[in-house]
Amino acid sequence: MNRLITSKEYEIHFYEIDYNRKALITSIVNFLGDISIRQSDELGVGLDWLLERDLAWVIYKWNINMIRYPKINEKITVRTWPYSMRKFYAYRQYDILDTEGKVICTADAIWFLIDIKIRKPTKISDEMYETYGIAKDSNEVIDFGKIEALQEIHESKYFDVRYSDIDTNRHVNNSKYIEWCIETVPIDVVLKYSLKNIKVIYEKETNYGERIKTSTEVFREVGKVTFLHKIEDEYGKRITLVKSQWE
């Protein structure tokens, strides 16, 4: 099947890097989200089109593999293409290329379409299947695997949802959940290891003014550390599950 590919060049800025002068994982996530929106805009079904119909795309799952992180001032090309659609779910894939054309990141995502008036999923229309070049009878899905539930809590922190955390859908931007999880990673891991894979399942949206708790379980091996993260709201209801692998 011919994929409908959209690409865009980005440059890594000072405010998008960590202490090693390499792009933050949250910057990578923001690039992936941005290219998704760009494709929809180019196809005429972007933010304005969705808003007129009281619709919005909401991220459900990420699976991001980092081969290497781009450095400050480096130029990269971020690409995306629709993989399949099913009911109200849209499966999408991505990669990031350096200036030599080498793949430095691959990612899969599941987005779902919601009716913003009632905040409930809504069926993807035939028009959208046609626009994104997806066959209506396509039943292909991407296997994201499972994220295990935490058995013990080794690290935890509380965060207050700020106005600056809110996105165009009026709930917390998806990269913020990842940021909160990384804040619970011990500093020795942050300094000595690199985040190679991150899987995220968003289960419930969070709004301005809420107080959330991030809990983390740590699994250490030789040359590798794995974390299970859980984000809960102030009532103890689970919002997000995250698994991060560092090498």
Protein backbone atom coordinates (compact mmCIF):
# COMPACT_ATOMS: atom_id res chain seq x y z
CA MET A 1 0.00 0.00 0.00
CA ASN A 2 1.28 3.48 -0.83
CA ARG A 3 1.50 5.55 2.32
CA LEU A 4 0.52 9.21 2.42
CA ILE A 5 3.73 10.68 3.85
CA THR A 6 4.12 14.20 5.23
CA SER A 7 7.56 15.51 6.23
CA LYS A 8 8.96 18.66 7.79
CA GLU A 9 12.45 19.85 8.65
CA TYR A 10 13.14 20.99 12.22
CA GLU A 11 16.21 22.50 13.85
CA ILE A 12 17.12 21.65 17.43
CA HIS A 13 17.08 24.84 19.50
CA PHE A 14 18.69 25.63 22.85
CA TYR A 15 15.35 25.45 24.68
CA GLU A 16 14.72 21.92 23.33
CA ILE A 17 17.86 20.25 24.73
CA ASP A 18 19.10 18.65 27.95
CA TYR A 19 22.39 19.10 29.80
CA ASN A 20 24.15 17.00 27.12
CA ARG A 21 22.98 19.42 24.44
CA LYS A 22 20.78 16.71 22.97
CA ALA A 23 17.05 16.97 22.27
CA LEU A 24 14.78 16.15 25.17
CA ILE A 25 12.37 13.25 24.73
CA THR A 26 9.55 15.75 25.31
CA SER A 27 10.88 17.80 22.37
CA ILE A 28 10.80 14.65 20.23
CA VAL A 29 7.19 14.01 21.27
CA ASN A 30 6.26 17.59 20.40
CA PHE A 31 7.83 17.19 16.93
CA LEU A 32 5.78 14.03 16.36
CA GLY A 33 2.59 15.76 17.45
CA ASP A 34 3.34 18.77 15.29
CA ILE A 35 3.88 16.74 12.12
CA SER A 36 0.58 14.93 12.75
CA ILE A 37 -1.24 18.26 12.84
CA ARG A 38 0.66 19.47 9.77
CA GLN A 39 -0.52 16.51 7.69
CA SER A 40 -4.14 17.07 8.70
CA ASP A 41 -3.85 20.78 7.90
CA GLU A 42 -2.36 20.05 4.48
CA LEU A 43 -5.21 17.65 3.74
CA GLY A 44 -7.81 20.23 4.72
CA VAL A 45 -8.97 18.42 7.87
CA GLY A 46 -6.87 20.30 10.42
CA LEU A 47 -7.69 22.08 13.65
CA ASP A 48 -10.14 24.59 12.16
CA TRP A 49 -11.99 21.91 10.17
CA LEU A 50 -12.27 19.74 13.28
CA LEU A 51 -13.41 22.62 15.51
CA GLU A 52 -16.21 23.51 13.09
CA ARG A 53 -17.51 19.96 13.56
CA ASP A 54 -16.91 19.83 17.33
CA LEU A 55 -14.22 17.17 16.83
CA ALA A 56 -10.68 16.65 18.09
CA TRP A 57 -7.95 14.02 17.85
CA VAL A 58 -6.65 12.82 21.23
CA ILE A 59 -3.54 10.70 21.69
CA TYR A 60 -4.13 7.28 23.26
CA LYS A 61 -0.80 5.44 22.98
CA TRP A 62 2.82 6.13 22.09
CA ASN A 63 5.65 3.67 21.41
CA ILE A 64 8.83 5.63 20.66
CA ASN A 65 12.24 4.11 19.90
CA MET A 66 15.27 6.40 20.02
CA ILE A 67 18.31 5.23 18.05
CA ARG A 68 20.12 8.45 18.87
CA TYR A 69 19.14 11.95 19.97
CA PRO A 70 19.79 14.93 17.68
CA LYS A 71 22.07 17.65 19.06
CA ILE A 72 21.69 21.40 19.35
CA ASN A 73 21.62 23.17 15.96
CA GLU A 74 21.23 19.84 14.16
CA LYS A 75 18.60 19.69 11.44
CA ILE A 76 16.27 16.71 11.27
CA THR A 77 13.38 15.62 9.08
CA VAL A 78 10.29 14.28 10.84
CA ARG A 79 7.91 12.14 8.79
CA THR A 80 4.51 10.61 9.42
CA TRP A 81 1.98 8.50 7.57
CA PRO A 82 -1.44 7.04 8.47
CA TYR A 83 -1.31 3.27 8.98
CA SER A 84 -4.97 2.32 9.44
CA MET A 85 -8.26 3.36 11.03
CA ARG A 86 -10.75 1.34 13.01
CA LYS A 87 -14.00 2.66 14.50
CA PHE A 88 -12.78 5.83 16.28
CA TYR A 89 -9.08 4.80 16.42
CA ALA A 90 -6.41 6.02 14.00
CA TYR A 91 -3.07 4.20 13.86
CA ARG A 92 -0.14 6.35 12.76
CA GLN A 93 3.61 5.81 12.24
CA TYR A 94 6.60 8.14 12.27
CA ASP A 95 10.31 8.32 11.77
CA ILE A 96 13.00 10.95 12.15
CA LEU A 97 15.94 11.24 9.74
CA ASP A 98 19.24 13.09 10.09
CA THR A 99 20.79 15.12 7.27
CA GLU A 100 22.42 11.96 5.89
CA GLY A 101 19.05 10.24 5.63
CA LYS A 102 19.72 7.87 8.51
CA VAL A 103 16.77 6.95 10.73
CA ILE A 104 17.42 8.09 14.30
CA CYS A 105 13.93 7.52 15.72
CA THR A 106 10.86 5.42 14.93
CA ALA A 107 7.46 5.72 16.57
CA ASP A 108 3.93 4.34 16.51
CA ALA A 109 0.84 6.03 17.87
CA ILE A 110 -2.86 5.49 18.32
CA TRP A 111 -5.08 8.56 18.24
CA PHE A 112 -8.83 8.56 18.76
CA LEU A 113 -11.47 10.96 17.54
CA ILE A 114 -13.73 12.61 20.12
CA ASP A 115 -16.83 14.76 20.11
CA ILE A 116 -15.64 17.72 22.18
CA LYS A 117 -19.15 18.64 23.32
CA ILE A 118 -19.71 15.39 25.16
CA ARG A 119 -16.01 14.38 25.52
CA LYS A 120 -16.73 10.94 24.09
CA PRO A 121 -15.19 8.97 21.19
CA THR A 122 -17.00 9.30 17.87
CA LYS A 123 -16.86 7.18 14.71
CA ILE A 124 -14.41 8.17 11.99
CA SER A 125 -16.35 9.24 8.89
CA ASP A 126 -16.02 7.84 5.38
CA GLU A 127 -14.75 11.27 4.33
CA MET A 128 -11.80 10.99 6.70
CA TYR A 129 -10.94 7.48 5.49
CA GLU A 130 -10.83 8.82 1.95
CA THR A 131 -8.89 11.95 2.89
CA TYR A 132 -6.15 9.98 4.65
CA GLY A 133 -6.02 7.34 1.92
CA ILE A 134 -7.12 4.48 4.18
CA ALA A 135 -9.28 1.67 2.81
CA LYS A 136 -12.53 1.38 4.73
CA ASP A 137 -12.19 -2.40 5.03
CA SER A 138 -8.64 -2.22 6.44
CA ASN A 139 -8.43 -4.06 9.77
CA GLU A 140 -4.68 -3.68 10.29
CA VAL A 141 -3.61 -2.73 13.79
CA ILE A 142 -0.26 -2.04 15.44
CA ASP A 143 0.64 -4.16 18.44
CA PHE A 144 1.83 -1.91 21.26
CA GLY A 145 2.18 -4.65 23.85
CA LYS A 146 1.22 -4.19 27.47
CA ILE A 147 2.52 -2.04 30.27
CA GLU A 148 2.67 -3.96 33.51
CA ALA A 149 1.04 -2.55 36.65
CA LEU A 150 3.34 -1.36 39.42
CA GLN A 151 3.92 -3.81 42.25
CA GLU A 152 6.06 -1.50 44.39
CA ILE A 153 6.64 2.24 44.56
CA HIS A 154 10.27 3.31 44.70
CA GLU A 155 9.90 6.98 43.76
CA SER A 156 6.97 9.41 43.77
CA LYS A 157 6.30 13.10 43.26
CA TYR A 158 3.31 15.45 43.19
CA PHE A 159 2.62 18.05 40.51
CA ASP A 160 0.04 20.81 40.11
CA VAL A 161 -1.42 21.25 36.62
CA ARG A 162 -0.57 24.75 35.41
CA TYR A 163 -2.20 26.90 32.77
CA SER A 164 0.92 26.48 30.59
CA ASP A 165 0.38 22.68 30.61
CA ILE A 166 -2.93 22.97 28.73
CA ASP A 167 -3.24 22.34 24.97
CA THR A 168 -5.77 23.28 22.28
CA ASN A 169 -8.16 20.56 23.49
CA ARG A 170 -8.22 22.29 26.89
CA HIS A 171 -6.57 19.46 28.75
CA VAL A 172 -2.94 18.67 29.58
CA ASN A 173 -0.55 18.40 26.64
CA ASN A 174 0.52 14.77 26.22
CA SER A 175 4.25 15.52 26.54
CA LYS A 176 3.70 16.84 30.08
CA TYR A 177 2.80 13.37 31.36
CA ILE A 178 6.14 12.10 30.07
CA GLU A 179 7.90 15.04 31.70
CA TRP A 180 6.26 14.22 35.05
CA CYS A 181 7.38 10.59 34.80
CA ILE A 182 10.98 11.48 33.99
CA GLU A 183 11.06 13.74 37.05
CA THR A 184 10.83 10.58 39.17
CA VAL A 185 13.82 8.90 37.48
CA PRO A 186 16.83 8.91 39.85
CA ILE A 187 19.48 11.45 38.87
CA ASP A 188 22.19 8.80 38.52
CA VAL A 189 20.18 7.17 35.72
CA VAL A 190 19.55 10.51 34.00
CA LEU A 191 23.28 11.30 34.06
CA LYS A 192 24.65 7.89 33.05
CA TYR A 193 21.97 6.37 30.80
CA SER A 194 19.97 7.32 27.71
CA LEU A 195 16.23 6.81 27.29
CA LYS A 196 15.91 4.33 24.43
CA ASN A 197 12.23 3.36 24.44
CA ILE A 198 9.12 4.82 25.97
CA LYS A 199 5.59 3.46 25.86
CA VAL A 200 2.65 5.53 27.06
CA ILE A 201 -1.04 4.73 27.58
CA TYR A 202 -3.26 7.74 28.27
CA GLU A 203 -6.36 6.57 30.13
CA LYS A 204 -7.96 9.76 31.44
CA GLU A 205 -7.54 13.44 30.70
CA THR A 206 -6.31 15.95 33.27
CA ASN A 207 -7.39 19.55 33.61
CA TYR A 208 -6.07 22.86 34.89
CA GLY A 209 -5.83 23.18 38.67
CA GLU A 210 -5.74 19.47 39.44
CA ARG A 211 -3.03 17.90 41.57
CA ILE A 212 -1.51 14.67 40.28
CA LYS A 213 0.86 12.07 41.69
CA THR A 214 3.49 10.17 39.71
CA SER A 215 4.71 6.85 41.15
CA THR A 216 7.61 4.82 39.76
CA GLU A 217 8.97 1.30 40.13
CA VAL A 218 12.63 0.65 39.24
CA PHE A 219 14.19 -2.50 37.71
CA ARG A 220 17.98 -2.41 37.45
CA GLU A 221 20.05 -4.74 35.27
CA VAL A 222 23.63 -4.62 34.02
CA GLY A 223 23.77 -1.74 31.54
CA LYS A 224 20.01 -1.23 31.56
CA VAL A 225 17.33 0.27 33.80
CA THR A 226 13.57 -0.11 33.27
CA PHE A 227 10.91 2.01 34.94
CA LEU A 228 7.19 1.53 35.31
CA HIS A 229 5.39 4.81 35.94
CA LYS A 230 1.83 5.48 37.05
CA ILE A 231 0.10 8.86 37.15
CA GLU A 232 -2.97 9.28 39.35
CA ASP A 233 -5.30 12.18 40.01
CA GLU A 234 -5.96 13.59 43.48
CA TYR A 235 -8.67 10.96 44.06
CA GLY A 236 -6.33 8.05 43.31
CA LYS A 237 -7.80 7.33 39.88
CA ARG A 238 -5.20 6.21 37.35
CA ILE A 239 -4.63 8.64 34.49
CA THR A 240 -1.61 7.31 32.61
CA LEU A 241 0.72 4.32 32.48
CA VAL A 242 4.28 4.66 31.17
CA LYS A 243 7.16 2.25 30.67
CA SER A 244 10.61 3.70 30.00
CA GLN A 245 13.78 1.78 29.18
CA TRP A 246 17.22 3.34 29.66
CA GLU A 247 20.59 2.04 28.49
